[in-house]
């Protein structure tokens, strides 16, 4: 049984993390774009054929750093998203329980 105070906490959590959620989504989008940018810049600095330049760019320290940044951004975003989804489910269960109780079932 989910109590009203837990449902209220879930609503507050959703409200309080709305801006953070948006900022984190923006960080993910930036990290994804930056990964492509770093690859392109690294390829420009390499010599040889396209395949060789791409391989060297993907193996570079700069690309690895950008890849790690993207991984961190996605992990943080997905963690917050999962917590927000759990809060939504808590509210939905509470609503369902109260509806059933009001109906006398």
PDB file of N, CA and C in Angstrom:
ATOM      1  N   UNK A   1       0.841  -1.180   0.000  1.00  0.00           N
ATOM      2  CA  UNK A   1       0.000   0.000   0.000  1.00  0.00           C
ATOM      3  C   UNK A   1       0.889   1.247   0.000  1.00  0.00           C
ATOM      4  N   UNK A   2       0.659   2.107  -0.927  1.00  0.00           N
ATOM      5  CA  UNK A   2       1.418   3.357  -1.010  1.00  0.00           C
ATOM      6  C   UNK A   2       0.632   4.436  -0.282  1.00  0.00           C
ATOM      7  N   UNK A   3       1.282   5.067   0.667  1.00  0.00           N
ATOM      8  CA  UNK A   3       0.631   6.106   1.450  1.00  0.00           C
ATOM      9  C   UNK A   3       0.696   7.456   0.734  1.00  0.00           C
ATOM     10  N   UNK A   4      -0.197   8.327   1.105  1.00  0.00           N
ATOM     11  CA  UNK A   4      -0.307   9.634   0.452  1.00  0.00           C
ATOM     12  C   UNK A   4       0.989  10.429   0.532  1.00  0.00           C
ATOM     13  N   UNK A   5       1.694  10.351   1.663  1.00  0.00           N
ATOM     14  CA  UNK A   5       2.934  11.116   1.787  1.00  0.00           C
ATOM     15  C   UNK A   5       4.004  10.638   0.799  1.00  0.00           C
ATOM     16  N   UNK A   6       4.002   9.350   0.478  1.00  0.00           N
ATOM     17  CA  UNK A   6       4.945   8.836  -0.513  1.00  0.00           C
ATOM     18  C   UNK A   6       4.575   9.328  -1.909  1.00  0.00           C
ATOM     19  N   UNK A   7       3.294   9.375  -2.203  1.00  0.00           N
ATOM     20  CA  UNK A   7       2.843   9.898  -3.493  1.00  0.00           C
ATOM     21  C   UNK A   7       3.178  11.383  -3.616  1.00  0.00           C
ATOM     22  N   UNK A   8       3.004  12.119  -2.529  1.00  0.00           N
ATOM     23  CA  UNK A   8       3.351  13.549  -2.542  1.00  0.00           C
ATOM     24  C   UNK A   8       4.843  13.740  -2.749  1.00  0.00           C
ATOM     25  N   UNK A   9       5.651  12.885  -2.122  1.00  0.00           N
ATOM     26  CA  UNK A   9       7.102  12.964  -2.315  1.00  0.00           C
ATOM     27  C   UNK A   9       7.476  12.697  -3.764  1.00  0.00           C
ATOM     28  N   UNK A  10       6.781  11.759  -4.392  1.00  0.00           N
ATOM     29  CA  UNK A  10       7.039  11.453  -5.798  1.00  0.00           C
ATOM     30  C   UNK A  10       6.715  12.650  -6.683  1.00  0.00           C
ATOM     31  N   UNK A  11       5.592  13.319  -6.400  1.00  0.00           N
ATOM     32  CA  UNK A  11       5.218  14.514  -7.166  1.00  0.00           C
ATOM     33  C   UNK A  11       6.264  15.607  -6.971  1.00  0.00           C
ATOM     34  N   UNK A  12       6.710  15.798  -5.741  1.00  0.00           N
ATOM     35  CA  UNK A  12       7.727  16.814  -5.457  1.00  0.00           C
ATOM     36  C   UNK A  12       9.041  16.493  -6.162  1.00  0.00           C
ATOM     37  N   UNK A  13       9.394  15.205  -6.189  1.00  0.00           N
ATOM     38  CA  UNK A  13      10.613  14.799  -6.870  1.00  0.00           C
ATOM     39  C   UNK A  13      10.534  15.141  -8.353  1.00  0.00           C
ATOM     40  N   UNK A  14       9.398  14.846  -8.965  1.00  0.00           N
ATOM     41  CA  UNK A  14       9.229  15.166 -10.388  1.00  0.00           C
ATOM     42  C   UNK A  14       9.345  16.664 -10.619  1.00  0.00           C
ATOM     43  N   UNK A  15       8.696  17.429  -9.769  1.00  0.00           N
ATOM     44  CA  UNK A  15       8.758  18.886  -9.898  1.00  0.00           C
ATOM     45  C   UNK A  15      10.181  19.395  -9.697  1.00  0.00           C
ATOM     46  N   UNK A  16      10.843  18.890  -8.663  1.00  0.00           N
ATOM     47  CA  UNK A  16      12.168  19.391  -8.298  1.00  0.00           C
ATOM     48  C   UNK A  16      13.271  18.982  -9.274  1.00  0.00           C
ATOM     49  N   UNK A  17      13.046  17.939 -10.045  1.00  0.00           N
ATOM     50  CA  UNK A  17      14.086  17.471 -10.971  1.00  0.00           C
ATOM     51  C   UNK A  17      13.796  17.822 -12.425  1.00  0.00           C
ATOM     52  N   UNK A  18      12.734  18.550 -12.670  1.00  0.00           N
ATOM     53  CA  UNK A  18      12.362  18.877 -14.053  1.00  0.00           C
ATOM     54  C   UNK A  18      13.472  19.659 -14.765  1.00  0.00           C
ATOM     55  N   UNK A  19      14.003  20.659 -14.126  1.00  0.00           N
ATOM     56  CA  UNK A  19      15.054  21.462 -14.763  1.00  0.00           C
ATOM     57  C   UNK A  19      16.333  20.634 -14.940  1.00  0.00           C
ATOM     58  N   UNK A  20      16.687  19.878 -13.918  1.00  0.00           N
ATOM     59  CA  UNK A  20      17.862  19.016 -14.000  1.00  0.00           C
ATOM     60  C   UNK A  20      17.723  18.017 -15.141  1.00  0.00           C
ATOM     61  N   UNK A  21      16.535  17.473 -15.305  1.00  0.00           N
ATOM     62  CA  UNK A  21      16.265  16.513 -16.373  1.00  0.00           C
ATOM     63  C   UNK A  21      16.515  17.163 -17.737  1.00  0.00           C
ATOM     64  N   UNK A  22      16.012  18.351 -17.924  1.00  0.00           N
ATOM     65  CA  UNK A  22      16.228  19.071 -19.182  1.00  0.00           C
ATOM     66  C   UNK A  22      17.692  19.373 -19.426  1.00  0.00           C
ATOM     67  N   UNK A  23      18.385  19.798 -18.390  1.00  0.00           N
ATOM     68  CA  UNK A  23      19.809  20.101 -18.531  1.00  0.00           C
ATOM     69  C   UNK A  23      20.606  18.840 -18.863  1.00  0.00           C
ATOM     70  N   UNK A  24      20.251  17.735 -18.228  1.00  0.00           N
ATOM     71  CA  UNK A  24      20.960  16.489 -18.499  1.00  0.00           C
ATOM     72  C   UNK A  24      20.700  16.004 -19.922  1.00  0.00           C
ATOM     73  N   UNK A  25      19.485  16.185 -20.407  1.00  0.00           N
ATOM     74  CA  UNK A  25      19.175  15.802 -21.785  1.00  0.00           C
ATOM     75  C   UNK A  25      20.004  16.640 -22.744  1.00  0.00           C
ATOM     76  N   UNK A  26      20.152  17.917 -22.424  1.00  0.00           N
ATOM     77  CA  UNK A  26      20.990  18.790 -23.240  1.00  0.00           C
ATOM     78  C   UNK A  26      22.446  18.366 -23.202  1.00  0.00           C
ATOM     79  N   UNK A  27      22.913  17.930 -22.049  1.00  0.00           N
ATOM     80  CA  UNK A  27      24.300  17.471 -21.928  1.00  0.00           C
ATOM     81  C   UNK A  27      24.531  16.225 -22.771  1.00  0.00           C
ATOM     82  N   UNK A  28      23.559  15.325 -22.793  1.00  0.00           N
ATOM     83  CA  UNK A  28      23.680  14.123 -23.621  1.00  0.00           C
ATOM     84  C   UNK A  28      23.773  14.510 -25.096  1.00  0.00           C
ATOM     85  N   UNK A  29      22.905  15.410 -25.528  1.00  0.00           N
ATOM     86  CA  UNK A  29      22.917  15.842 -26.930  1.00  0.00           C
ATOM     87  C   UNK A  29      24.258  16.493 -27.275  1.00  0.00           C
ATOM     88  N   UNK A  30      24.779  17.315 -26.366  1.00  0.00           N
ATOM     89  CA  UNK A  30      26.075  17.957 -26.594  1.00  0.00           C
ATOM     90  C   UNK A  30      27.182  16.914 -26.685  1.00  0.00           C
ATOM     91  N   UNK A  31      27.180  15.960 -25.766  1.00  0.00           N
ATOM     92  CA  UNK A  31      28.231  14.935 -25.746  1.00  0.00           C
ATOM     93  C   UNK A  31      28.212  14.106 -27.023  1.00  0.00           C
ATOM     94  N   UNK A  32      27.009  13.788 -27.512  1.00  0.00           N
ATOM     95  CA  UNK A  32      26.904  13.028 -28.764  1.00  0.00           C
ATOM     96  C   UNK A  32      27.473  13.821 -29.929  1.00  0.00           C
ATOM     97  N   UNK A  33      27.129  15.096 -30.003  1.00  0.00           N
ATOM     98  CA  UNK A  33      27.648  15.950 -31.066  1.00  0.00           C
ATOM     99  C   UNK A  33      29.146  16.159 -30.939  1.00  0.00           C
ATOM    100  N   UNK A  34      29.617  16.305 -29.719  1.00  0.00           N
ATOM    101  CA  UNK A  34      31.043  16.524 -29.501  1.00  0.00           C
ATOM    102  C   UNK A  34      31.856  15.295 -29.891  1.00  0.00           C
ATOM    103  N   UNK A  35      31.295  14.121 -29.684  1.00  0.00           N
ATOM    104  CA  UNK A  35      31.984  12.897 -30.076  1.00  0.00           C
ATOM    105  C   UNK A  35      32.232  12.892 -31.590  1.00  0.00           C
ATOM    106  N   UNK A  36      31.208  13.258 -32.346  1.00  0.00           N
ATOM    107  CA  UNK A  36      31.369  13.329 -33.812  1.00  0.00           C
ATOM    108  C   UNK A  36      32.378  14.409 -34.199  1.00  0.00           C
ATOM    109  N   UNK A  37      32.339  15.542 -33.482  1.00  0.00           N
ATOM    110  CA  UNK A  37      33.253  16.652 -33.750  1.00  0.00           C
ATOM    111  C   UNK A  37      34.696  16.240 -33.497  1.00  0.00           C
ATOM    112  N   UNK A  38      34.930  15.586 -32.373  1.00  0.00           N
ATOM    113  CA  UNK A  38      36.289  15.155 -32.030  1.00  0.00           C
ATOM    114  C   UNK A  38      36.808  14.170 -33.079  1.00  0.00           C
ATOM    115  N   UNK A  39      35.961  13.259 -33.510  1.00  0.00           N
ATOM    116  CA  UNK A  39      36.372  12.296 -34.543  1.00  0.00           C
ATOM    117  C   UNK A  39      36.777  13.038 -35.814  1.00  0.00           C
ATOM    118  N   UNK A  40      35.962  13.980 -36.219  1.00  0.00           N
ATOM    119  CA  UNK A  40      36.260  14.737 -37.443  1.00  0.00           C
ATOM    120  C   UNK A  40      37.568  15.508 -37.306  1.00  0.00           C
ATOM    121  N   UNK A  41      37.769  16.172 -36.167  1.00  0.00           N
ATOM    122  CA  UNK A  41      39.006  16.937 -35.966  1.00  0.00           C
ATOM    123  C   UNK A  41      40.223  16.024 -35.937  1.00  0.00           C
ATOM    124  N   UNK A  42      40.073  14.878 -35.293  1.00  0.00           N
ATOM    125  CA  UNK A  42      41.183  13.926 -35.243  1.00  0.00           C
ATOM    126  C   UNK A  42      41.504  13.393 -36.637  1.00  0.00           C
ATOM    127  N   UNK A  43      40.478  13.150 -37.439  1.00  0.00           N
ATOM    128  CA  UNK A  43      40.708  12.649 -38.797  1.00  0.00           C
ATOM    129  C   UNK A  43      41.426  13.686 -39.656  1.00  0.00           C
ATOM    130  N   UNK A  44      41.131  14.953 -39.420  1.00  0.00           N
ATOM    131  CA  UNK A  44      41.800  16.014 -40.182  1.00  0.00           C
ATOM    132  C   UNK A  44      43.296  16.053 -39.898  1.00  0.00           C
ATOM    133  N   UNK A  45      43.682  15.657 -38.700  1.00  0.00           N
ATOM    134  CA  UNK A  45      45.087  15.724 -38.291  1.00  0.00           C
ATOM    135  C   UNK A  45      45.880  14.468 -38.655  1.00  0.00           C
ATOM    136  N   UNK A  46      45.254  13.532 -39.297  1.00  0.00           N
ATOM    137  CA  UNK A  46      45.928  12.274 -39.637  1.00  0.00           C
ATOM    138  C   UNK A  46      46.239  12.230 -41.128  1.00  0.00           C
ATOM    139  N   UNK A  47      47.172  11.385 -41.478  1.00  0.00           N
ATOM    140  CA  UNK A  47      47.522  11.196 -42.891  1.00  0.00           C
ATOM    141  C   UNK A  47      47.152   9.788 -43.310  1.00  0.00           C
ATOM    142  N   UNK A  48      47.008   9.594 -44.595  1.00  0.00           N
ATOM    143  CA  UNK A  48      46.701   8.281 -45.128  1.00  0.00           C
ATOM    144  C   UNK A  48      45.303   8.256 -45.705  1.00  0.00           C
ATOM    145  N   UNK A  49      44.870   7.049 -46.022  1.00  0.00           N
ATOM    146  CA  UNK A  49      43.546   6.877 -46.592  1.00  0.00           C
ATOM    147  C   UNK A  49      42.462   7.093 -45.551  1.00  0.00           C
ATOM    148  N   UNK A  50      41.254   7.137 -46.055  1.00  0.00           N
ATOM    149  CA  UNK A  50      40.111   7.395 -45.184  1.00  0.00           C
ATOM    150  C   UNK A  50      40.008   6.377 -44.045  1.00  0.00           C
ATOM    151  N   UNK A  51      40.144   5.101 -44.372  1.00  0.00           N
ATOM    152  CA  UNK A  51      40.052   4.058 -43.363  1.00  0.00           C
ATOM    153  C   UNK A  51      41.131   4.185 -42.302  1.00  0.00           C
ATOM    154  N   UNK A  52      42.339   4.491 -42.720  1.00  0.00           N
ATOM    155  CA  UNK A  52      43.458   4.647 -41.789  1.00  0.00           C
ATOM    156  C   UNK A  52      43.254   5.864 -40.891  1.00  0.00           C
ATOM    157  N   UNK A  53      42.818   6.964 -41.486  1.00  0.00           N
ATOM    158  CA  UNK A  53      42.584   8.179 -40.685  1.00  0.00           C
ATOM    159  C   UNK A  53      41.473   7.950 -39.673  1.00  0.00           C
ATOM    160  N   UNK A  54      40.414   7.239 -40.101  1.00  0.00           N
ATOM    161  CA  UNK A  54      39.304   6.968 -39.184  1.00  0.00           C
ATOM    162  C   UNK A  54      39.762   6.063 -38.039  1.00  0.00           C
ATOM    163  N   UNK A  55      40.509   5.033 -38.366  1.00  0.00           N
ATOM    164  CA  UNK A  55      41.001   4.114 -37.338  1.00  0.00           C
ATOM    165  C   UNK A  55      41.874   4.852 -36.322  1.00  0.00           C
ATOM    166  N   UNK A  56      42.756   5.702 -36.806  1.00  0.00           N
ATOM    167  CA  UNK A  56      43.630   6.459 -35.905  1.00  0.00           C
ATOM    168  C   UNK A  56      42.830   7.450 -35.066  1.00  0.00           C
ATOM    169  N   UNK A  57      41.826   8.068 -35.671  1.00  0.00           N
ATOM    170  CA  UNK A  57      40.982   9.018 -34.927  1.00  0.00           C
ATOM    171  C   UNK A  57      40.221   8.299 -33.819  1.00  0.00           C
ATOM    172  N   UNK A  58      39.660   7.133 -34.137  1.00  0.00           N
ATOM    173  CA  UNK A  58      38.904   6.380 -33.139  1.00  0.00           C
ATOM    174  C   UNK A  58      39.794   5.852 -32.022  1.00  0.00           C
ATOM    175  N   UNK A  59      41.066   5.685 -32.297  1.00  0.00           N
ATOM    176  CA  UNK A  59      42.010   5.209 -31.293  1.00  0.00           C
ATOM    177  C   UNK A  59      42.699   6.317 -30.516  1.00  0.00           C
ATOM    178  N   UNK A  60      42.370   7.550 -30.811  1.00  0.00           N
ATOM    179  CA  UNK A  60      43.063   8.673 -30.167  1.00  0.00           C
ATOM    180  C   UNK A  60      42.584   8.912 -28.737  1.00  0.00           C
ATOM    181  N   UNK A  61      43.435   9.543 -27.962  1.00  0.00           N
ATOM    182  CA  UNK A  61      43.089   9.895 -26.578  1.00  0.00           C
ATOM    183  C   UNK A  61      41.945  10.903 -26.526  1.00  0.00           C
ATOM    184  N   UNK A  62      41.926  11.829 -27.483  1.00  0.00           N
ATOM    185  CA  UNK A  62      40.853  12.834 -27.510  1.00  0.00           C
ATOM    186  C   UNK A  62      39.505  12.170 -27.752  1.00  0.00           C
ATOM    187  N   UNK A  63      39.467  11.186 -28.655  1.00  0.00           N
ATOM    188  CA  UNK A  63      38.216  10.488 -28.936  1.00  0.00           C
ATOM    189  C   UNK A  63      37.792   9.672 -27.721  1.00  0.00           C
ATOM    190  N   UNK A  64      38.740   9.025 -27.060  1.00  0.00           N
ATOM    191  CA  UNK A  64      38.428   8.256 -25.859  1.00  0.00           C
ATOM    192  C   UNK A  64      37.841   9.159 -24.780  1.00  0.00           C
ATOM    193  N   UNK A  65      38.408  10.333 -24.592  1.00  0.00           N
ATOM    194  CA  UNK A  65      37.888  11.273 -23.587  1.00  0.00           C
ATOM    195  C   UNK A  65      36.463  11.705 -23.933  1.00  0.00           C
ATOM    196  N   UNK A  66      36.218  11.972 -25.215  1.00  0.00           N
ATOM    197  CA  UNK A  66      34.873  12.372 -25.643  1.00  0.00           C
ATOM    198  C   UNK A  66      33.896  11.217 -25.477  1.00  0.00           C
ATOM    199  N   UNK A  67      34.342  10.011 -25.753  1.00  0.00           N
ATOM    200  CA  UNK A  67      33.507   8.820 -25.594  1.00  0.00           C
ATOM    201  C   UNK A  67      33.150   8.603 -24.118  1.00  0.00           C
ATOM    202  N   UNK A  68      34.114   8.779 -23.241  1.00  0.00           N
ATOM    203  CA  UNK A  68      33.875   8.643 -21.799  1.00  0.00           C
ATOM    204  C   UNK A  68      32.909   9.718 -21.305  1.00  0.00           C
ATOM    205  N   UNK A  69      33.064  10.932 -21.833  1.00  0.00           N
ATOM    206  CA  UNK A  69      32.137  12.009 -21.454  1.00  0.00           C
ATOM    207  C   UNK A  69      30.718  11.673 -21.888  1.00  0.00           C
ATOM    208  N   UNK A  70      30.575  11.131 -23.101  1.00  0.00           N
ATOM    209  CA  UNK A  70      29.251  10.738 -23.573  1.00  0.00           C
ATOM    210  C   UNK A  70      28.675   9.633 -22.691  1.00  0.00           C
ATOM    211  N   UNK A  71      29.492   8.661 -22.348  1.00  0.00           N
ATOM    212  CA  UNK A  71      29.027   7.563 -21.487  1.00  0.00           C
ATOM    213  C   UNK A  71      28.555   8.092 -20.138  1.00  0.00           C
ATOM    214  N   UNK A  72      29.304   8.995 -19.545  1.00  0.00           N
ATOM    215  CA  UNK A  72      28.923   9.570 -18.257  1.00  0.00           C
ATOM    216  C   UNK A  72      27.630  10.369 -18.365  1.00  0.00           C
ATOM    217  N   UNK A  73      27.503  11.150 -19.419  1.00  0.00           N
ATOM    218  CA  UNK A  73      26.287  11.947 -19.601  1.00  0.00           C
ATOM    219  C   UNK A  73      25.068  11.054 -19.768  1.00  0.00           C
ATOM    220  N   UNK A  74      25.196  10.015 -20.567  1.00  0.00           N
ATOM    221  CA  UNK A  74      24.070   9.101 -20.788  1.00  0.00           C
ATOM    222  C   UNK A  74      23.730   8.361 -19.502  1.00  0.00           C
ATOM    223  N   UNK A  75      24.733   7.911 -18.767  1.00  0.00           N
ATOM    224  CA  UNK A  75      24.485   7.187 -17.516  1.00  0.00           C
ATOM    225  C   UNK A  75      23.748   8.071 -16.505  1.00  0.00           C
ATOM    226  N   UNK A  76      24.180   9.307 -16.359  1.00  0.00           N
ATOM    227  CA  UNK A  76      23.518  10.228 -15.425  1.00  0.00           C
ATOM    228  C   UNK A  76      22.088  10.508 -15.861  1.00  0.00           C
ATOM    229  N   UNK A  77      21.901  10.737 -17.155  1.00  0.00           N
ATOM    230  CA  UNK A  77      20.570  11.033 -17.669  1.00  0.00           C
ATOM    231  C   UNK A  77      19.642   9.842 -17.488  1.00  0.00           C
ATOM    232  N   UNK A  78      20.098   8.663 -17.852  1.00  0.00           N
ATOM    233  CA  UNK A  78      19.259   7.471 -17.752  1.00  0.00           C
ATOM    234  C   UNK A  78      18.930   7.126 -16.304  1.00  0.00           C
ATOM    235  N   UNK A  79      19.864   7.370 -15.395  1.00  0.00           N
ATOM    236  CA  UNK A  79      19.595   7.142 -13.971  1.00  0.00           C
ATOM    237  C   UNK A  79      18.487   8.062 -13.490  1.00  0.00           C
ATOM    238  N   UNK A  80      18.574   9.337 -13.833  1.00  0.00           N
ATOM    239  CA  UNK A  80      17.526  10.276 -13.432  1.00  0.00           C
ATOM    240  C   UNK A  80      16.210   9.930 -14.111  1.00  0.00           C
ATOM    241  N   UNK A  81      16.257   9.554 -15.371  1.00  0.00           N
ATOM    242  CA  UNK A  81      15.039   9.185 -16.087  1.00  0.00           C
ATOM    243  C   UNK A  81      14.361   7.987 -15.429  1.00  0.00           C
ATOM    244  N   UNK A  82      15.148   6.998 -15.025  1.00  0.00           N
ATOM    245  CA  UNK A  82      14.586   5.814 -14.364  1.00  0.00           C
ATOM    246  C   UNK A  82      13.954   6.188 -13.020  1.00  0.00           C
ATOM    247  N   UNK A  83      14.599   7.075 -12.285  1.00  0.00           N
ATOM    248  CA  UNK A  83      14.040   7.521 -11.002  1.00  0.00           C
ATOM    249  C   UNK A  83      12.735   8.278 -11.215  1.00  0.00           C
ATOM    250  N   UNK A  84      12.691   9.097 -12.261  1.00  0.00           N
ATOM    251  CA  UNK A  84      11.470   9.845 -12.544  1.00  0.00           C
ATOM    252  C   UNK A  84      10.348   8.899 -12.977  1.00  0.00           C
ATOM    253  N   UNK A  85      10.691   7.882 -13.766  1.00  0.00           N
ATOM    254  CA  UNK A  85       9.681   6.898 -14.163  1.00  0.00           C
ATOM    255  C   UNK A  85       9.154   6.146 -12.949  1.00  0.00           C
ATOM    256  N   UNK A  86      10.031   5.831 -12.003  1.00  0.00           N
ATOM    257  CA  UNK A  86       9.602   5.159 -10.776  1.00  0.00           C
ATOM    258  C   UNK A  86       8.656   6.051  -9.977  1.00  0.00           C
ATOM    259  N   UNK A  87       8.929   7.346  -9.960  1.00  0.00           N
ATOM    260  CA  UNK A  87       8.049   8.284  -9.259  1.00  0.00           C
ATOM    261  C   UNK A  87       6.678   8.333  -9.935  1.00  0.00           C
ATOM    262  N   UNK A  88       6.655   8.344 -11.254  1.00  0.00           N
ATOM    263  CA  UNK A  88       5.383   8.345 -11.991  1.00  0.00           C
ATOM    264  C   UNK A  88       4.599   7.075 -11.669  1.00  0.00           C
ATOM    265  N   UNK A  89       5.269   5.947 -11.653  1.00  0.00           N
ATOM    266  CA  UNK A  89       4.598   4.678 -11.328  1.00  0.00           C
ATOM    267  C   UNK A  89       4.065   4.679  -9.898  1.00  0.00           C
ATOM    268  N   UNK A  90       4.811   5.257  -8.977  1.00  0.00           N
ATOM    269  CA  UNK A  90       4.352   5.365  -7.588  1.00  0.00           C
ATOM    270  C   UNK A  90       3.049   6.148  -7.527  1.00  0.00           C
ATOM    271  N   UNK A  91       2.996   7.247  -8.250  1.00  0.00           N
ATOM    272  CA  UNK A  91       1.791   8.079  -8.274  1.00  0.00           C
ATOM    273  C   UNK A  91       0.633   7.309  -8.895  1.00  0.00           C
ATOM    274  N   UNK A  92       0.896   6.592  -9.976  1.00  0.00           N
ATOM    275  CA  UNK A  92      -0.166   5.821 -10.642  1.00  0.00           C
ATOM    276  C   UNK A  92      -0.702   4.709  -9.743  1.00  0.00           C
ATOM    277  N   UNK A  93       0.174   4.022  -9.021  1.00  0.00           N
ATOM    278  CA  UNK A  93      -0.273   2.972  -8.099  1.00  0.00           C
ATOM    279  C   UNK A  93      -1.104   3.586  -6.984  1.00  0.00           C
ATOM    280  N   UNK A  94      -0.661   4.706  -6.456  1.00  0.00           N
ATOM    281  CA  UNK A  94      -1.408   5.383  -5.391  1.00  0.00           C
ATOM    282  C   UNK A  94      -2.798   5.786  -5.889  1.00  0.00           C
ATOM    283  N   UNK A  95      -2.863   6.328  -7.102  1.00  0.00           N
ATOM    284  CA  UNK A  95      -4.160   6.703  -7.687  1.00  0.00           C
ATOM    285  C   UNK A  95      -5.072   5.482  -7.824  1.00  0.00           C
ATOM    286  N   UNK A  96      -4.505   4.402  -8.314  1.00  0.00           N
ATOM    287  CA  UNK A  96      -5.280   3.179  -8.499  1.00  0.00           C
ATOM    288  C   UNK A  96      -5.791   2.645  -7.166  1.00  0.00           C
ATOM    289  N   UNK A  97      -4.942   2.644  -6.169  1.00  0.00           N
ATOM    290  CA  UNK A  97      -5.345   2.174  -4.845  1.00  0.00           C
ATOM    291  C   UNK A  97      -6.474   3.041  -4.276  1.00  0.00           C
ATOM    292  N   UNK A  98      -6.373   4.340  -4.427  1.00  0.00           N
ATOM    293  CA  UNK A  98      -7.398   5.239  -3.901  1.00  0.00           C
ATOM    294  C   UNK A  98      -8.698   5.108  -4.674  1.00  0.00           C
ATOM    295  N   UNK A  99      -8.596   4.897  -5.976  1.00  0.00           N
ATOM    296  CA  UNK A  99      -9.808   4.708  -6.779  1.00  0.00           C
ATOM    297  C   UNK A  99     -10.532   3.440  -6.354  1.00  0.00           C
ATOM    298  N   UNK A 100      -9.780   2.378  -6.147  1.00  0.00           N
ATOM    299  CA  UNK A 100     -10.377   1.113  -5.710  1.00  0.00           C
ATOM    300  C   UNK A 100     -10.998   1.259  -4.333  1.00  0.00           C
ATOM    301  N   UNK A 101     -10.311   1.961  -3.448  1.00  0.00           N
ATOM    302  CA  UNK A 101     -10.831   2.154  -2.085  1.00  0.00           C
ATOM    303  C   UNK A 101     -12.122   2.982  -2.107  1.00  0.00           C
ATOM    304  N   UNK A 102     -12.190   3.999  -2.949  1.00  0.00           N
ATOM    305  CA  UNK A 102     -13.395   4.840  -3.032  1.00  0.00           C
ATOM    306  C   UNK A 102     -14.579   4.066  -3.599  1.00  0.00           C
ATOM    307  N   UNK A 103     -14.268   3.099  -4.466  1.00  0.00           N
ATOM    308  CA  UNK A 103     -15.312   2.297  -5.069  1.00  0.00           C
ATOM    309  C   UNK A 103     -15.774   1.181  -4.135  1.00  0.00           C
ATOM    310  N   UNK A 104     -15.064   1.014  -3.019  1.00  0.00           N
ATOM    311  CA  UNK A 104     -15.451   0.014  -2.042  1.00  0.00           C
ATOM    312  C   UNK A 104     -15.076  -1.395  -2.435  1.00  0.00           C
ATOM    313  N   UNK A 105     -14.088  -1.534  -3.286  1.00  0.00           N
ATOM    314  CA  UNK A 105     -13.679  -2.880  -3.722  1.00  0.00           C
ATOM    315  C   UNK A 105     -12.611  -3.457  -2.836  1.00  0.00           C
TER     316      UNK A 105
END
